[in-house]
Amino acid sequence: MKRYIYIAFVVLAGFLYSCNKSSDSGEMSPSIGGGDGPGVGGSMAKFTIANDHLFLINETELLVYNIINEASPVEVGNLEVEFGIETVFSMGSKL
């Protein structure tokens, strides 16, 4: 029993350490790895950038923003969906 508690503790400590390691400065980085790029999509990406548009998803909507002026994005549309969206990515001219 003590062995299982020890394993659970080690896994939990590793998880908490990885969450804390992301940023010590308190600032959010615009891309993975701290670079200046628009970010890299993943299997659970909640946003993607294609051309001059930012596409965001939540459980029921796809939100579209024009980001030509990065300091002042403008919402240009939204689309409600009838099922939970988990990820979004762009490939060529397709979303």
N, C-alpha and C. Protein backbone atom coordinates (compact mmCIF):
# COMPACT_ATOMS: atom_id res chain seq x y z
N MET A 1 0.82 -1.19 0.00
CA MET A 1 0.00 0.00 0.00
C MET A 1 0.86 1.26 0.00
N LYS A 2 1.95 1.24 0.82
CA LYS A 2 2.83 2.39 0.86
C LYS A 2 3.49 2.63 -0.50
N ARG A 3 3.74 1.55 -1.21
CA ARG A 3 4.36 1.67 -2.53
C ARG A 3 3.45 2.44 -3.49
N TYR A 4 2.14 2.16 -3.47
CA TYR A 4 1.20 2.85 -4.34
C TYR A 4 1.07 4.33 -3.98
N ILE A 5 1.09 4.62 -2.70
CA ILE A 5 1.04 6.01 -2.26
C ILE A 5 2.30 6.74 -2.72
N TYR A 6 3.45 6.10 -2.60
CA TYR A 6 4.71 6.70 -3.05
C TYR A 6 4.68 6.97 -4.55
N ILE A 7 4.21 6.02 -5.35
CA ILE A 7 4.13 6.20 -6.80
C ILE A 7 3.18 7.34 -7.14
N ALA A 8 2.03 7.40 -6.48
CA ALA A 8 1.07 8.48 -6.71
C ALA A 8 1.69 9.83 -6.36
N PHE A 9 2.44 9.89 -5.27
CA PHE A 9 3.09 11.13 -4.86
C PHE A 9 4.12 11.57 -5.90
N VAL A 10 4.93 10.66 -6.40
CA VAL A 10 5.95 10.98 -7.40
C VAL A 10 5.30 11.50 -8.68
N VAL A 11 4.23 10.84 -9.12
CA VAL A 11 3.54 11.28 -10.34
C VAL A 11 2.94 12.67 -10.14
N LEU A 12 2.30 12.91 -9.00
CA LEU A 12 1.72 14.21 -8.70
C LEU A 12 2.79 15.30 -8.63
N ALA A 13 3.91 15.01 -7.98
CA ALA A 13 5.00 15.98 -7.89
C ALA A 13 5.55 16.32 -9.27
N GLY A 14 5.71 15.31 -10.12
CA GLY A 14 6.19 15.56 -11.48
C GLY A 14 5.22 16.42 -12.27
N PHE A 15 3.93 16.16 -12.12
CA PHE A 15 2.92 16.95 -12.81
C PHE A 15 2.96 18.40 -12.34
N LEU A 16 3.00 18.62 -11.03
CA LEU A 16 3.03 19.98 -10.50
C LEU A 16 4.31 20.70 -10.91
N TYR A 17 5.43 20.02 -10.94
CA TYR A 17 6.68 20.63 -11.37
C TYR A 17 6.60 21.06 -12.83
N SER A 18 6.02 20.24 -13.68
CA SER A 18 5.94 20.59 -15.10
C SER A 18 5.00 21.77 -15.32
N CYS A 19 3.96 21.91 -14.51
CA CYS A 19 3.06 23.06 -14.63
C CYS A 19 3.76 24.34 -14.20
N ASN A 20 4.58 24.28 -13.18
CA ASN A 20 5.27 25.44 -12.66
C ASN A 20 6.42 25.88 -13.54
N LYS A 21 6.99 24.98 -14.31
CA LYS A 21 8.18 25.25 -15.10
C LYS A 21 7.91 26.13 -16.31
N SER A 22 6.67 26.30 -16.73
CA SER A 22 6.35 26.97 -17.98
C SER A 22 6.82 28.41 -18.04
N SER A 23 6.72 29.17 -16.96
CA SER A 23 7.14 30.57 -17.02
C SER A 23 7.43 31.09 -15.62
N ASP A 24 8.63 31.57 -15.43
CA ASP A 24 8.99 32.15 -14.14
C ASP A 24 8.76 33.65 -14.12
N SER A 25 8.62 34.29 -15.29
CA SER A 25 8.51 35.74 -15.35
C SER A 25 7.09 36.23 -15.13
N GLY A 26 6.10 35.36 -15.22
CA GLY A 26 4.73 35.78 -15.08
C GLY A 26 4.11 36.26 -16.37
N GLU A 27 4.90 36.41 -17.42
CA GLU A 27 4.38 36.83 -18.71
C GLU A 27 4.07 35.62 -19.56
N MET A 28 3.04 35.75 -20.39
CA MET A 28 2.69 34.65 -21.28
C MET A 28 3.45 34.81 -22.58
N SER A 29 3.99 33.74 -23.07
CA SER A 29 4.72 33.75 -24.33
C SER A 29 3.76 33.54 -25.48
N PRO A 30 3.93 34.26 -26.62
CA PRO A 30 3.03 34.09 -27.74
C PRO A 30 3.24 32.80 -28.50
N SER A 31 4.31 32.08 -28.24
CA SER A 31 4.55 30.85 -28.98
C SER A 31 5.24 29.83 -28.10
N ILE A 32 5.20 28.61 -28.52
CA ILE A 32 5.87 27.54 -27.80
C ILE A 32 7.38 27.76 -27.91
N GLY A 33 8.08 27.66 -26.83
CA GLY A 33 9.51 27.84 -26.83
C GLY A 33 9.93 29.28 -26.60
N GLY A 34 8.97 30.20 -26.43
CA GLY A 34 9.30 31.58 -26.13
C GLY A 34 9.73 32.40 -27.32
N GLY A 35 9.54 31.92 -28.54
CA GLY A 35 9.93 32.67 -29.72
C GLY A 35 8.93 33.76 -30.06
N ASP A 36 9.16 34.42 -31.18
CA ASP A 36 8.30 35.51 -31.61
C ASP A 36 7.24 35.07 -32.60
N GLY A 37 7.15 33.78 -32.92
CA GLY A 37 6.20 33.29 -33.92
C GLY A 37 4.79 33.20 -33.39
N PRO A 38 3.86 32.81 -34.26
CA PRO A 38 2.45 32.76 -33.88
C PRO A 38 2.05 31.55 -33.06
N GLY A 39 2.95 30.64 -32.79
CA GLY A 39 2.61 29.46 -32.00
C GLY A 39 2.55 28.23 -32.86
N VAL A 40 2.48 27.10 -32.21
CA VAL A 40 2.45 25.82 -32.90
C VAL A 40 1.22 25.06 -32.43
N GLY A 41 0.43 24.58 -33.37
CA GLY A 41 -0.77 23.82 -33.03
C GLY A 41 -0.41 22.45 -32.49
N GLY A 42 -1.31 21.90 -31.73
CA GLY A 42 -1.12 20.57 -31.19
C GLY A 42 -2.41 19.80 -31.24
N SER A 43 -2.43 18.64 -30.61
CA SER A 43 -3.62 17.81 -30.68
C SER A 43 -4.78 18.37 -29.87
N MET A 44 -4.53 19.31 -28.99
CA MET A 44 -5.60 19.93 -28.21
C MET A 44 -5.57 21.45 -28.37
N ALA A 45 -5.13 21.94 -29.52
CA ALA A 45 -5.00 23.38 -29.76
C ALA A 45 -6.37 24.04 -29.76
N LYS A 46 -6.52 25.10 -28.99
CA LYS A 46 -7.77 25.84 -28.92
C LYS A 46 -7.74 27.07 -29.82
N PHE A 47 -6.64 27.30 -30.52
CA PHE A 47 -6.57 28.41 -31.46
C PHE A 47 -5.60 28.06 -32.58
N THR A 48 -5.75 28.76 -33.70
CA THR A 48 -4.80 28.66 -34.79
C THR A 48 -4.81 29.99 -35.53
N ILE A 49 -3.72 30.28 -36.21
CA ILE A 49 -3.60 31.50 -37.00
C ILE A 49 -3.41 31.10 -38.45
N ALA A 50 -4.22 31.70 -39.32
CA ALA A 50 -4.10 31.47 -40.76
C ALA A 50 -4.26 32.81 -41.45
N ASN A 51 -3.29 33.15 -42.29
CA ASN A 51 -3.25 34.45 -42.96
C ASN A 51 -3.33 35.54 -41.89
N ASP A 52 -4.31 36.43 -41.97
CA ASP A 52 -4.44 37.51 -40.99
C ASP A 52 -5.61 37.26 -40.04
N HIS A 53 -5.93 35.99 -39.78
CA HIS A 53 -7.07 35.67 -38.93
C HIS A 53 -6.66 34.72 -37.81
N LEU A 54 -7.24 34.96 -36.65
CA LEU A 54 -7.08 34.11 -35.48
C LEU A 54 -8.39 33.36 -35.30
N PHE A 55 -8.32 32.04 -35.23
CA PHE A 55 -9.49 31.20 -35.03
C PHE A 55 -9.42 30.59 -33.63
N LEU A 56 -10.44 30.84 -32.82
CA LEU A 56 -10.51 30.34 -31.44
C LEU A 56 -11.70 29.42 -31.32
N ILE A 57 -11.59 28.40 -30.48
CA ILE A 57 -12.73 27.53 -30.23
C ILE A 57 -12.99 27.41 -28.75
N ASN A 58 -14.26 27.17 -28.43
CA ASN A 58 -14.65 26.74 -27.10
C ASN A 58 -15.57 25.54 -27.29
N GLU A 59 -16.35 25.17 -26.33
CA GLU A 59 -17.17 23.97 -26.45
C GLU A 59 -18.21 24.05 -27.56
N THR A 60 -18.73 25.25 -27.84
CA THR A 60 -19.86 25.36 -28.77
C THR A 60 -19.67 26.36 -29.90
N GLU A 61 -18.53 27.07 -29.94
CA GLU A 61 -18.36 28.13 -30.93
C GLU A 61 -16.98 28.12 -31.57
N LEU A 62 -16.94 28.61 -32.80
CA LEU A 62 -15.71 28.95 -33.49
C LEU A 62 -15.73 30.46 -33.66
N LEU A 63 -14.77 31.16 -33.07
CA LEU A 63 -14.69 32.61 -33.14
C LEU A 63 -13.57 33.00 -34.09
N VAL A 64 -13.81 34.03 -34.91
CA VAL A 64 -12.84 34.47 -35.90
C VAL A 64 -12.51 35.94 -35.65
N TYR A 65 -11.20 36.24 -35.56
CA TYR A 65 -10.73 37.60 -35.35
C TYR A 65 -9.78 37.99 -36.47
N ASN A 66 -9.89 39.23 -36.93
CA ASN A 66 -8.94 39.81 -37.87
C ASN A 66 -7.79 40.36 -37.03
N ILE A 67 -6.57 39.94 -37.33
CA ILE A 67 -5.41 40.36 -36.53
C ILE A 67 -4.39 41.12 -37.37
N ILE A 68 -4.86 41.83 -38.39
CA ILE A 68 -3.93 42.67 -39.16
C ILE A 68 -3.26 43.66 -38.22
N ASN A 69 -4.04 44.28 -37.34
CA ASN A 69 -3.49 45.15 -36.30
C ASN A 69 -3.42 44.31 -35.03
N GLU A 70 -2.26 43.78 -34.71
CA GLU A 70 -2.11 42.86 -33.58
C GLU A 70 -2.49 43.48 -32.25
N ALA A 71 -2.32 44.78 -32.11
CA ALA A 71 -2.64 45.45 -30.86
C ALA A 71 -4.14 45.61 -30.66
N SER A 72 -4.91 45.47 -31.74
CA SER A 72 -6.35 45.67 -31.65
C SER A 72 -7.09 44.67 -32.54
N PRO A 73 -7.18 43.40 -32.14
CA PRO A 73 -7.89 42.41 -32.95
C PRO A 73 -9.38 42.74 -33.02
N VAL A 74 -10.00 42.43 -34.16
CA VAL A 74 -11.41 42.72 -34.37
C VAL A 74 -12.15 41.41 -34.66
N GLU A 75 -13.21 41.15 -33.90
CA GLU A 75 -14.01 39.95 -34.16
C GLU A 75 -14.77 40.15 -35.46
N VAL A 76 -14.60 39.22 -36.40
CA VAL A 76 -15.26 39.33 -37.70
C VAL A 76 -16.31 38.26 -37.90
N GLY A 77 -16.42 37.33 -36.98
CA GLY A 77 -17.46 36.32 -37.12
C GLY A 77 -17.40 35.27 -36.04
N ASN A 78 -18.49 34.53 -35.94
CA ASN A 78 -18.53 33.37 -35.06
C ASN A 78 -19.50 32.36 -35.64
N LEU A 79 -19.29 31.12 -35.30
CA LEU A 79 -20.11 30.04 -35.82
C LEU A 79 -20.42 29.10 -34.66
N GLU A 80 -21.72 28.92 -34.39
CA GLU A 80 -22.11 27.97 -33.35
C GLU A 80 -22.15 26.57 -33.94
N VAL A 81 -21.71 25.61 -33.14
CA VAL A 81 -21.75 24.22 -33.56
C VAL A 81 -22.56 23.42 -32.55
N GLU A 82 -23.05 22.26 -32.97
CA GLU A 82 -23.94 21.48 -32.11
C GLU A 82 -23.21 20.38 -31.34
N PHE A 83 -21.90 20.39 -31.36
CA PHE A 83 -21.14 19.37 -30.64
C PHE A 83 -19.89 20.01 -30.07
N GLY A 84 -19.26 19.35 -29.14
CA GLY A 84 -18.06 19.89 -28.51
C GLY A 84 -16.86 19.83 -29.44
N ILE A 85 -16.24 20.97 -29.68
CA ILE A 85 -15.02 21.03 -30.49
C ILE A 85 -13.84 20.82 -29.55
N GLU A 86 -12.91 19.96 -29.92
CA GLU A 86 -11.75 19.71 -29.07
C GLU A 86 -10.49 20.37 -29.59
N THR A 87 -10.36 20.52 -30.90
CA THR A 87 -9.12 21.06 -31.46
C THR A 87 -9.39 21.76 -32.77
N VAL A 88 -8.50 22.67 -33.14
CA VAL A 88 -8.59 23.38 -34.41
C VAL A 88 -7.18 23.56 -34.96
N PHE A 89 -7.02 23.39 -36.27
CA PHE A 89 -5.73 23.64 -36.91
C PHE A 89 -5.98 23.98 -38.37
N SER A 90 -5.01 24.62 -38.98
CA SER A 90 -5.11 24.97 -40.39
C SER A 90 -4.12 24.13 -41.18
N MET A 91 -4.52 23.78 -42.39
CA MET A 91 -3.66 23.02 -43.29
C MET A 91 -3.87 23.60 -44.68
N GLY A 92 -2.88 24.34 -45.15
CA GLY A 92 -3.04 25.01 -46.43
C GLY A 92 -4.11 26.08 -46.32
N SER A 93 -5.10 26.03 -47.20
CA SER A 93 -6.18 27.00 -47.16
C SER A 93 -7.41 26.46 -46.42
N LYS A 94 -7.30 25.30 -45.80
CA LYS A 94 -8.42 24.67 -45.09
C LYS A 94 -8.26 24.83 -43.59
N LEU A 95 -9.40 24.87 -42.90
CA LEU A 95 -9.41 24.97 -41.44
C LEU A 95 -9.90 23.65 -40.88
